[in-house]
């Protein structure tokens, strides 16, 4: 089924493309009046406006869809970014919400696991630091006791030697092995 250009135009826009030809007369460029041309130009202008409106509507729809998709992708990424900044400042925040089952959700689960391992490592480092401080205090105390022991040993030696001499001479005098002037010198 073939349609003429006039029938197609009338089906699309509800109006004929040009004025009806005179019955029995063939249409040619010489038979088209300026009114017919003005009508075709007006209809072409309306068609151009309709196409422009459709294109603008599609562009706005695409922009709206792009904005929605961008928000859907950037919101979880922004949450992950803030968590990473928290790790960077050495203040890991609470666990991230894992609402998705895609790559972003997997990344959030990995960050949560990393946060748990980091907290365990920090706790271990803190307890080891406390243990080192306690051991260092015990070492210093033992060093002080060693120093006091060495000092006591030196004092004992310095006092013990003359006291042993005095004790030995006193025994000699008591046993009467030494007498007279010699006992007085002792």
N, C-alpha and C. Protein backbone atom coordinates (compact mmCIF):
# COMPACT_ATOMS: atom_id res chain seq x y z
N UNK A 1 0.86 -1.17 0.00
CA UNK A 1 0.00 0.00 0.00
C UNK A 1 0.90 1.22 0.00
N UNK A 2 0.77 2.02 -1.02
CA UNK A 2 1.56 3.24 -1.10
C UNK A 2 0.65 4.43 -0.87
N UNK A 3 1.23 5.41 -0.23
CA UNK A 3 0.46 6.62 0.04
C UNK A 3 1.16 7.79 -0.61
N UNK A 4 0.38 8.76 -0.98
CA UNK A 4 0.98 9.95 -1.55
C UNK A 4 1.54 10.81 -0.44
N UNK A 5 2.36 11.76 -0.82
CA UNK A 5 2.94 12.67 0.16
C UNK A 5 1.86 13.45 0.89
N UNK A 6 0.81 13.84 0.20
CA UNK A 6 -0.29 14.57 0.83
C UNK A 6 -0.98 13.70 1.87
N UNK A 7 -1.21 12.42 1.56
CA UNK A 7 -1.87 11.53 2.52
C UNK A 7 -1.01 11.31 3.75
N UNK A 8 0.31 11.14 3.53
CA UNK A 8 1.22 10.96 4.66
C UNK A 8 1.20 12.20 5.56
N UNK A 9 1.28 13.38 4.93
CA UNK A 9 1.30 14.63 5.68
C UNK A 9 0.02 14.80 6.47
N UNK A 10 -1.10 14.47 5.83
CA UNK A 10 -2.39 14.62 6.50
C UNK A 10 -2.51 13.63 7.65
N UNK A 11 -1.96 12.41 7.51
CA UNK A 11 -1.99 11.43 8.59
C UNK A 11 -1.14 11.87 9.77
N UNK A 12 -0.01 12.51 9.50
CA UNK A 12 0.89 12.93 10.58
C UNK A 12 0.39 14.19 11.29
N UNK A 13 -0.09 15.17 10.54
CA UNK A 13 -0.38 16.47 11.13
C UNK A 13 -1.84 16.88 11.05
N UNK A 14 -2.68 16.06 10.49
CA UNK A 14 -4.11 16.36 10.43
C UNK A 14 -4.46 17.46 9.46
N UNK A 15 -3.57 17.82 8.58
CA UNK A 15 -3.86 18.85 7.59
C UNK A 15 -3.18 18.45 6.29
N UNK A 16 -3.68 18.96 5.23
CA UNK A 16 -3.08 18.63 3.95
C UNK A 16 -1.84 19.47 3.76
N UNK A 17 -0.92 18.94 2.97
CA UNK A 17 0.34 19.63 2.75
C UNK A 17 0.14 20.90 1.93
N UNK A 18 -0.60 20.81 0.88
CA UNK A 18 -0.88 21.98 0.03
C UNK A 18 -2.35 21.94 -0.35
N UNK A 19 -2.78 23.00 -0.93
CA UNK A 19 -4.20 23.07 -1.34
C UNK A 19 -4.50 21.99 -2.38
N UNK A 20 -5.75 21.57 -2.40
CA UNK A 20 -6.16 20.53 -3.35
C UNK A 20 -5.97 21.03 -4.77
N UNK A 21 -5.49 20.12 -5.61
CA UNK A 21 -5.36 20.54 -7.02
C UNK A 21 -6.72 20.65 -7.69
N UNK A 22 -6.73 21.32 -8.77
CA UNK A 22 -7.96 21.44 -9.55
C UNK A 22 -8.23 20.09 -10.16
N UNK A 23 -9.47 19.58 -10.04
CA UNK A 23 -9.75 18.24 -10.57
C UNK A 23 -9.40 18.15 -12.04
N UNK A 24 -8.78 17.02 -12.35
CA UNK A 24 -8.40 16.75 -13.73
C UNK A 24 -7.12 17.43 -14.14
N UNK A 25 -6.54 18.19 -13.33
CA UNK A 25 -5.33 18.93 -13.70
C UNK A 25 -4.13 18.29 -13.01
N UNK A 26 -3.04 18.17 -13.69
CA UNK A 26 -1.83 17.63 -13.07
C UNK A 26 -1.13 18.71 -12.29
N UNK A 27 -0.56 18.33 -11.21
CA UNK A 27 0.12 19.29 -10.35
C UNK A 27 1.56 19.44 -10.82
N UNK A 28 2.01 20.64 -10.90
CA UNK A 28 3.40 20.91 -11.26
C UNK A 28 3.84 22.12 -10.48
N UNK A 29 5.13 22.41 -10.57
CA UNK A 29 5.67 23.55 -9.82
C UNK A 29 5.04 24.84 -10.30
N UNK A 30 4.61 24.87 -11.52
CA UNK A 30 3.99 26.10 -12.04
C UNK A 30 2.61 26.30 -11.45
N UNK A 31 1.97 25.26 -10.98
CA UNK A 31 0.62 25.35 -10.45
C UNK A 31 0.58 25.65 -8.94
N UNK A 32 1.74 25.68 -8.26
CA UNK A 32 1.75 25.90 -6.81
C UNK A 32 1.70 27.40 -6.56
N UNK A 33 0.74 27.81 -5.77
CA UNK A 33 0.57 29.23 -5.49
C UNK A 33 1.42 29.64 -4.29
N UNK A 34 1.69 30.93 -4.13
CA UNK A 34 2.43 31.41 -2.95
C UNK A 34 1.71 31.07 -1.66
N UNK A 35 0.41 30.97 -1.64
CA UNK A 35 -0.34 30.60 -0.44
C UNK A 35 -0.03 29.16 -0.07
N UNK A 36 0.07 28.29 -1.12
CA UNK A 36 0.43 26.90 -0.85
C UNK A 36 1.82 26.80 -0.25
N UNK A 37 2.76 27.57 -0.76
CA UNK A 37 4.14 27.57 -0.24
C UNK A 37 4.14 28.09 1.18
N UNK A 38 3.38 29.13 1.47
CA UNK A 38 3.32 29.69 2.83
C UNK A 38 2.74 28.67 3.78
N UNK A 39 1.74 27.92 3.33
CA UNK A 39 1.14 26.90 4.19
C UNK A 39 2.15 25.79 4.49
N UNK A 40 2.91 25.36 3.48
CA UNK A 40 3.92 24.31 3.67
C UNK A 40 5.02 24.82 4.60
N UNK A 41 5.44 26.06 4.43
CA UNK A 41 6.47 26.64 5.30
C UNK A 41 5.97 26.72 6.73
N UNK A 42 4.71 27.10 6.93
CA UNK A 42 4.14 27.17 8.28
C UNK A 42 4.10 25.80 8.92
N UNK A 43 3.68 24.80 8.13
CA UNK A 43 3.62 23.44 8.66
C UNK A 43 5.03 22.92 8.96
N UNK A 44 6.01 23.23 8.11
CA UNK A 44 7.40 22.83 8.35
C UNK A 44 7.93 23.50 9.62
N UNK A 45 7.55 24.74 9.82
CA UNK A 45 7.96 25.45 11.03
C UNK A 45 7.38 24.77 12.26
N UNK A 46 6.10 24.40 12.19
CA UNK A 46 5.47 23.69 13.32
C UNK A 46 6.14 22.35 13.56
N UNK A 47 6.51 21.65 12.47
CA UNK A 47 7.20 20.38 12.60
C UNK A 47 8.57 20.59 13.25
N UNK A 48 9.28 21.61 12.85
CA UNK A 48 10.59 21.91 13.45
C UNK A 48 10.47 22.21 14.93
N UNK A 49 9.44 22.97 15.31
CA UNK A 49 9.22 23.27 16.73
C UNK A 49 8.90 22.00 17.50
N UNK A 50 8.07 21.12 16.92
CA UNK A 50 7.71 19.86 17.57
C UNK A 50 8.95 18.99 17.76
N UNK A 51 9.80 18.90 16.74
CA UNK A 51 11.03 18.11 16.84
C UNK A 51 11.95 18.70 17.89
N UNK A 52 12.08 20.02 17.90
CA UNK A 52 12.91 20.69 18.89
C UNK A 52 12.41 20.41 20.30
N UNK A 53 11.09 20.44 20.49
CA UNK A 53 10.54 20.15 21.81
C UNK A 53 10.82 18.71 22.23
N UNK A 54 10.70 17.80 21.30
CA UNK A 54 10.98 16.40 21.60
C UNK A 54 12.46 16.22 21.97
N UNK A 55 13.35 16.83 21.21
CA UNK A 55 14.78 16.70 21.48
C UNK A 55 15.12 17.32 22.83
N UNK A 56 14.58 18.49 23.12
CA UNK A 56 14.83 19.12 24.43
C UNK A 56 14.29 18.27 25.57
N UNK A 57 13.11 17.69 25.38
CA UNK A 57 12.54 16.81 26.40
C UNK A 57 13.41 15.60 26.65
N UNK A 58 13.91 15.00 25.55
CA UNK A 58 14.80 13.85 25.69
C UNK A 58 16.11 14.24 26.40
N UNK A 59 16.64 15.41 26.05
CA UNK A 59 17.88 15.88 26.71
C UNK A 59 17.65 16.09 28.20
N UNK A 60 16.55 16.73 28.54
CA UNK A 60 16.27 16.95 29.97
C UNK A 60 16.07 15.61 30.69
N UNK A 61 15.39 14.67 30.05
CA UNK A 61 15.19 13.35 30.64
C UNK A 61 16.53 12.64 30.85
N UNK A 62 17.41 12.74 29.87
CA UNK A 62 18.73 12.13 29.99
C UNK A 62 19.53 12.78 31.12
N UNK A 63 19.46 14.10 31.22
CA UNK A 63 20.17 14.80 32.30
C UNK A 63 19.64 14.38 33.67
N UNK A 64 18.33 14.27 33.78
CA UNK A 64 17.73 13.84 35.04
C UNK A 64 18.15 12.42 35.39
N UNK A 65 18.12 11.53 34.41
CA UNK A 65 18.55 10.16 34.63
C UNK A 65 20.03 10.10 35.01
N UNK A 66 20.86 10.89 34.34
CA UNK A 66 22.29 10.92 34.66
C UNK A 66 22.51 11.42 36.08
N UNK A 67 21.76 12.45 36.49
CA UNK A 67 21.90 12.97 37.85
C UNK A 67 21.49 11.92 38.88
N UNK A 68 20.41 11.21 38.62
CA UNK A 68 19.97 10.17 39.55
C UNK A 68 20.98 9.03 39.63
N UNK A 69 21.50 8.62 38.49
CA UNK A 69 22.50 7.56 38.50
C UNK A 69 23.79 8.02 39.18
N UNK A 70 24.19 9.26 38.94
CA UNK A 70 25.40 9.77 39.60
C UNK A 70 25.21 9.79 41.10
N UNK A 71 24.06 10.21 41.55
CA UNK A 71 23.80 10.23 43.00
C UNK A 71 23.79 8.81 43.57
N UNK A 72 23.19 7.88 42.82
CA UNK A 72 23.14 6.50 43.30
C UNK A 72 24.53 5.91 43.43
N UNK A 73 25.46 6.32 42.57
CA UNK A 73 26.82 5.78 42.65
C UNK A 73 27.71 6.58 43.59
N UNK A 74 27.54 7.89 43.66
CA UNK A 74 28.45 8.69 44.47
C UNK A 74 28.12 8.67 45.94
N UNK A 75 26.86 8.47 46.33
CA UNK A 75 26.50 8.46 47.75
C UNK A 75 27.25 7.38 48.51
N UNK A 76 27.22 6.10 48.07
CA UNK A 76 27.99 5.11 48.82
C UNK A 76 29.49 5.33 48.73
N UNK A 77 29.95 5.85 47.61
CA UNK A 77 31.38 6.12 47.48
C UNK A 77 31.79 7.25 48.43
N UNK A 78 30.93 8.26 48.60
CA UNK A 78 31.23 9.33 49.56
C UNK A 78 31.28 8.80 50.99
N UNK A 79 30.41 7.85 51.32
CA UNK A 79 30.44 7.24 52.65
C UNK A 79 31.77 6.51 52.84
N UNK A 80 32.20 5.75 51.83
CA UNK A 80 33.47 5.05 51.91
C UNK A 80 34.64 6.03 52.02
N UNK A 81 34.54 7.15 51.31
CA UNK A 81 35.59 8.15 51.36
C UNK A 81 35.71 8.74 52.76
N UNK A 82 34.58 9.04 53.41
CA UNK A 82 34.64 9.60 54.76
C UNK A 82 35.22 8.58 55.74
N UNK A 83 34.93 7.29 55.53
CA UNK A 83 35.52 6.26 56.39
C UNK A 83 37.03 6.20 56.18
N UNK A 84 37.47 6.31 54.94
CA UNK A 84 38.90 6.30 54.65
C UNK A 84 39.59 7.51 55.28
N UNK A 85 38.93 8.65 55.26
CA UNK A 85 39.50 9.84 55.91
C UNK A 85 39.58 9.63 57.42
N UNK A 86 38.60 8.92 57.99
CA UNK A 86 38.65 8.60 59.41
C UNK A 86 39.83 7.70 59.74
N UNK A 87 40.12 6.74 58.85
CA UNK A 87 41.28 5.88 59.07
C UNK A 87 42.56 6.69 58.96
N UNK A 88 42.59 7.60 58.00
CA UNK A 88 43.78 8.40 57.80
C UNK A 88 44.06 9.28 59.01
N UNK A 89 43.03 9.74 59.70
CA UNK A 89 43.23 10.59 60.87
C UNK A 89 43.36 9.77 62.14
N UNK A 90 43.51 8.44 61.99
CA UNK A 90 43.71 7.51 63.11
C UNK A 90 42.53 7.45 64.06
N UNK A 91 41.35 7.76 63.57
CA UNK A 91 40.13 7.64 64.37
C UNK A 91 39.12 6.81 63.59
N UNK A 92 39.31 5.49 63.54
CA UNK A 92 38.36 4.70 62.76
C UNK A 92 36.96 4.80 63.35
N UNK A 93 36.03 5.08 62.48
CA UNK A 93 34.65 5.25 62.92
C UNK A 93 33.99 3.89 63.08
N UNK A 94 32.73 3.91 63.43
CA UNK A 94 31.96 2.68 63.59
C UNK A 94 31.86 1.96 62.25
N UNK A 95 31.39 0.75 62.29
CA UNK A 95 31.29 -0.06 61.08
C UNK A 95 30.40 0.62 60.04
N UNK A 96 30.79 0.47 58.81
CA UNK A 96 30.02 1.04 57.70
C UNK A 96 28.78 0.18 57.46
N UNK A 97 27.67 0.80 57.08
CA UNK A 97 26.48 0.00 56.76
C UNK A 97 26.69 -0.71 55.42
N UNK A 98 26.44 -2.01 55.41
CA UNK A 98 26.58 -2.79 54.18
C UNK A 98 25.18 -3.09 53.68
N UNK A 99 24.70 -2.25 52.75
CA UNK A 99 23.35 -2.38 52.23
C UNK A 99 23.33 -2.99 50.84
N UNK A 100 24.48 -3.06 50.21
CA UNK A 100 24.52 -3.46 48.81
C UNK A 100 25.20 -4.81 48.66
N UNK A 101 24.89 -5.49 47.57
CA UNK A 101 25.50 -6.78 47.28
C UNK A 101 26.39 -6.69 46.04
N UNK A 102 26.88 -5.50 45.73
CA UNK A 102 27.72 -5.32 44.56
C UNK A 102 29.15 -5.03 45.01
N UNK A 103 29.94 -4.47 44.12
CA UNK A 103 31.34 -4.19 44.42
C UNK A 103 31.49 -3.18 45.54
N UNK A 104 30.61 -2.20 45.60
CA UNK A 104 30.68 -1.19 46.66
C UNK A 104 30.37 -1.83 48.01
N UNK A 105 29.40 -2.74 48.06
CA UNK A 105 29.11 -3.46 49.29
C UNK A 105 30.28 -4.33 49.72
N UNK A 106 30.93 -4.98 48.75
CA UNK A 106 32.11 -5.80 49.06
C UNK A 106 33.23 -4.92 49.61
N UNK A 107 33.39 -3.74 49.03
CA UNK A 107 34.40 -2.81 49.53
C UNK A 107 34.08 -2.37 50.94
N UNK A 108 32.82 -2.11 51.23
CA UNK A 108 32.41 -1.71 52.59
C UNK A 108 32.69 -2.84 53.58
N UNK A 109 32.42 -4.09 53.18
CA UNK A 109 32.70 -5.23 54.06
C UNK A 109 34.21 -5.35 54.30
N UNK A 110 34.99 -5.15 53.26
CA UNK A 110 36.45 -5.21 53.42
C UNK A 110 36.96 -4.11 54.34
N UNK A 111 36.39 -2.92 54.22
CA UNK A 111 36.79 -1.82 55.09
C UNK A 111 36.41 -2.13 56.53
N UNK A 112 35.24 -2.72 56.74
CA UNK A 112 34.83 -3.10 58.10
C UNK A 112 35.79 -4.13 58.68
N UNK A 113 36.18 -5.13 57.88
CA UNK A 113 37.13 -6.14 58.35
C UNK A 113 38.48 -5.50 58.67
N UNK A 114 38.91 -4.58 57.81
CA UNK A 114 40.17 -3.88 58.05
C UNK A 114 40.09 -3.06 59.34
N UNK A 115 38.95 -2.45 59.58
CA UNK A 115 38.76 -1.66 60.80
C UNK A 115 38.87 -2.56 62.04
N UNK A 116 38.27 -3.75 61.97
CA UNK A 116 38.36 -4.68 63.10
C UNK A 116 39.80 -5.12 63.34
N UNK A 117 40.51 -5.45 62.25
CA UNK A 117 41.91 -5.86 62.40
C UNK A 117 42.76 -4.71 62.93
N UNK A 118 42.48 -3.50 62.47
CA UNK A 118 43.22 -2.33 62.93
C UNK A 118 42.97 -2.09 64.42
N UNK A 119 41.72 -2.22 64.85
CA UNK A 119 41.41 -2.04 66.27
C UNK A 119 42.10 -3.11 67.11
N UNK A 120 42.13 -4.36 66.62
CA UNK A 120 42.81 -5.43 67.36
C UNK A 120 44.31 -5.16 67.43
N UNK A 121 44.89 -4.70 66.33
CA UNK A 121 46.32 -4.39 66.31
C UNK A 121 46.64 -3.23 67.24
N UNK A 122 45.77 -2.22 67.27
CA UNK A 122 45.99 -1.09 68.18
C UNK A 122 45.90 -1.54 69.63
N UNK A 123 44.95 -2.41 69.94
CA UNK A 123 44.81 -2.93 71.30
C UNK A 123 46.05 -3.74 71.68
N UNK A 124 46.51 -4.58 70.75
CA UNK A 124 47.71 -5.38 71.00
C UNK A 124 48.92 -4.47 71.22
N UNK A 125 49.07 -3.45 70.40
CA UNK A 125 50.19 -2.51 70.54
C UNK A 125 50.11 -1.78 71.88
N UNK A 126 48.90 -1.41 72.29
CA UNK A 126 48.72 -0.70 73.56
C UNK A 126 49.10 -1.61 74.73
N UNK A 127 48.66 -2.88 74.70
CA UNK A 127 48.98 -3.79 75.81
C UNK A 127 50.48 -4.10 75.82
N UNK A 128 51.10 -4.24 74.64
CA UNK A 128 52.54 -4.48 74.59
C UNK A 128 53.31 -3.27 75.11
N UNK A 129 52.84 -2.08 74.82
CA UNK A 129 53.50 -0.87 75.32
C UNK A 129 53.39 -0.81 76.85
N UNK A 130 52.22 -1.16 77.38
CA UNK A 130 52.06 -1.18 78.84
C UNK A 130 52.98 -2.23 79.46
N UNK A 131 53.10 -3.40 78.81
CA UNK A 131 53.97 -4.45 79.32
C UNK A 131 55.43 -3.99 79.29
N UNK A 132 55.84 -3.30 78.25
CA UNK A 132 57.21 -2.78 78.17
C UNK A 132 57.48 -1.78 79.28
N UNK A 133 56.50 -0.91 79.53
CA UNK A 133 56.67 0.08 80.60
C UNK A 133 56.82 -0.63 81.94
N UNK A 134 56.00 -1.65 82.19
CA UNK A 134 56.08 -2.41 83.45
C UNK A 134 57.43 -3.10 83.55
N UNK A 135 57.87 -3.74 82.47
CA UNK A 135 59.17 -4.42 82.50
C UNK A 135 60.31 -3.45 82.70
N UNK A 136 60.22 -2.28 82.09
CA UNK A 136 61.26 -1.26 82.27
C UNK A 136 61.31 -0.79 83.71
N UNK A 137 60.15 -0.61 84.33
CA UNK A 137 60.12 -0.21 85.74
C UNK A 137 60.74 -1.30 86.61
N UNK A 138 60.43 -2.57 86.31
CA UNK A 138 61.02 -3.67 87.08
C UNK A 138 62.53 -3.73 86.88
N UNK A 139 62.99 -3.49 85.65
CA UNK A 139 64.42 -3.47 85.37
C UNK A 139 65.11 -2.35 86.13
N UNK A 140 64.50 -1.19 86.14
CA UNK A 140 65.09 -0.06 86.89
C UNK A 140 65.14 -0.37 88.38
N UNK A 141 64.07 -1.01 88.91
CA UNK A 141 64.04 -1.38 90.33
C UNK A 141 65.15 -2.39 90.63
N UNK A 142 65.32 -3.39 89.75
CA UNK A 142 66.38 -4.38 89.93
C UNK A 142 67.75 -3.72 89.86
N UNK A 143 67.91 -2.75 88.97
CA UNK A 143 69.18 -2.04 88.86
C UNK A 143 69.46 -1.25 90.14
N UNK A 144 68.42 -0.63 90.68
CA UNK A 144 68.60 0.10 91.95
C UNK A 144 68.99 -0.86 93.07
N UNK A 145 68.32 -2.03 93.12
CA UNK A 145 68.66 -3.02 94.15
C UNK A 145 70.10 -3.50 93.99
N UNK A 146 70.54 -3.68 92.75
CA UNK A 146 71.92 -4.09 92.48
C UNK A 146 72.88 -3.03 92.99
N UNK A 147 72.56 -1.77 92.70
CA UNK A 147 73.42 -0.67 93.14
C UNK A 147 73.48 -0.62 94.67
N UNK A 148 72.32 -0.78 95.32
CA UNK A 148 72.29 -0.77 96.79
C UNK A 148 73.08 -1.96 97.33
N UNK A 149 72.97 -3.12 96.69
CA UNK A 149 73.72 -4.31 97.12
C UNK A 149 75.22 -4.10 96.99
N UNK A 150 75.64 -3.49 95.86
CA UNK A 150 77.07 -3.22 95.69
C UNK A 150 77.56 -2.22 96.73
N UNK A 151 76.73 -1.22 97.00
CA UNK A 151 77.11 -0.23 98.02
C UNK A 151 77.21 -0.88 99.39
N UNK A 152 76.24 -1.75 99.70
CA UNK A 152 76.27 -2.45 100.99
C UNK A 152 77.48 -3.37 101.08
N UNK A 153 77.83 -4.03 99.98
CA UNK A 153 79.00 -4.90 99.97
C UNK A 153 80.26 -4.11 100.20
N UNK A 154 80.37 -2.97 99.54
CA UNK A 154 81.55 -2.11 99.73
C UNK A 154 81.66 -1.60 101.15
N UNK A 155 80.51 -1.17 101.70
CA UNK A 155 80.51 -0.68 103.09
C UNK A 155 80.88 -1.81 104.04
N UNK A 156 80.29 -2.99 103.79
CA UNK A 156 80.59 -4.14 104.65
C UNK A 156 82.07 -4.48 104.59
N UNK A 157 82.63 -4.43 103.39
CA UNK A 157 84.06 -4.73 103.26
C UNK A 157 84.89 -3.68 103.98
N UNK A 158 84.55 -2.42 103.76
CA UNK A 158 85.32 -1.34 104.39
C UNK A 158 85.19 -1.37 105.91
N UNK A 159 84.03 -1.73 106.41
CA UNK A 159 83.86 -1.80 107.87
C UNK A 159 84.31 -3.16 108.41
N UNK A 160 84.12 -4.20 107.61
CA UNK A 160 84.43 -5.56 108.08
C UNK A 160 85.91 -5.77 108.31
N UNK A 161 86.75 -5.26 107.46
CA UNK A 161 88.18 -5.48 107.59
C UNK A 161 88.72 -4.90 108.89
N UNK A 162 88.47 -3.64 109.21
CA UNK A 162 88.97 -3.13 110.50
C UNK A 162 88.32 -3.83 111.70
N UNK A 163 87.04 -4.18 111.54
CA UNK A 163 86.37 -4.86 112.66
C UNK A 163 86.96 -6.25 112.88
N UNK A 164 87.32 -6.93 111.82
CA UNK A 164 87.96 -8.24 111.96
C UNK A 164 89.30 -8.11 112.67
N UNK A 165 90.05 -7.07 112.34
CA UNK A 165 91.34 -6.84 113.01
C UNK A 165 91.10 -6.59 114.49
N UNK A 166 90.11 -5.74 114.79
CA UNK A 166 89.81 -5.42 116.20
C UNK A 166 89.34 -6.68 116.90
N UNK A 167 88.49 -7.47 116.24
CA UNK A 167 87.97 -8.69 116.84
C UNK A 167 89.11 -9.68 117.10
N UNK A 168 89.99 -9.81 116.13
CA UNK A 168 91.11 -10.75 116.31
C UNK A 168 92.02 -10.34 117.44
N UNK A 169 92.33 -9.07 117.57
CA UNK A 169 93.21 -8.59 118.65
C UNK A 169 92.50 -8.71 120.00
N UNK A 170 91.19 -8.50 119.96
CA UNK A 170 90.45 -8.64 121.22
C UNK A 170 90.49 -10.10 121.68
N UNK A 171 90.44 -11.03 120.78
CA UNK A 171 90.52 -12.44 121.15
C UNK A 171 91.91 -12.77 121.70
N UNK A 172 92.89 -12.19 121.04
CA UNK A 172 94.26 -12.43 121.53
C UNK A 172 94.43 -11.90 122.96
N UNK A 173 93.87 -10.73 123.20
CA UNK A 173 93.97 -10.15 124.54
C UNK A 173 93.15 -10.99 125.50
N UNK A 174 91.97 -11.42 125.07
CA UNK A 174 91.12 -12.22 125.94
C UNK A 174 91.75 -13.57 126.23
N UNK A 175 92.45 -14.15 125.27
CA UNK A 175 93.10 -15.43 125.47
C UNK A 175 94.43 -15.25 126.20
N UNK A 176 94.80 -14.06 126.46
CA UNK A 176 96.02 -13.66 127.16
C UNK A 176 97.25 -14.08 126.38
N UNK A 177 97.15 -14.04 125.14
CA UNK A 177 98.30 -14.35 124.32
C UNK A 177 99.16 -13.09 124.13
N UNK A 178 98.54 -11.98 124.35
CA UNK A 178 99.27 -10.73 124.24
C UNK A 178 99.18 -10.07 125.61
N UNK A 179 100.29 -9.49 126.05
CA UNK A 179 100.29 -8.87 127.37
C UNK A 179 101.05 -7.56 127.36
N UNK A 180 100.78 -6.77 128.35
CA UNK A 180 101.53 -5.55 128.62
C UNK A 180 101.36 -4.49 127.55
N UNK A 181 102.54 -3.96 127.15
CA UNK A 181 102.54 -2.86 126.18
C UNK A 181 101.97 -3.28 124.83
N UNK A 182 102.21 -4.49 124.51
CA UNK A 182 101.70 -4.98 123.22
C UNK A 182 100.18 -5.02 123.25
N UNK A 183 99.55 -5.38 124.35
CA UNK A 183 98.10 -5.39 124.46
C UNK A 183 97.57 -3.98 124.42
N UNK A 184 98.31 -3.02 124.96
CA UNK A 184 97.87 -1.61 124.93
C UNK A 184 97.92 -1.10 123.51
N UNK A 185 98.89 -1.54 122.72
CA UNK A 185 98.98 -1.08 121.32
C UNK A 185 97.87 -1.70 120.47
N UNK A 186 97.44 -2.87 120.87
CA UNK A 186 96.41 -3.54 120.10
C UNK A 186 95.09 -2.89 120.40
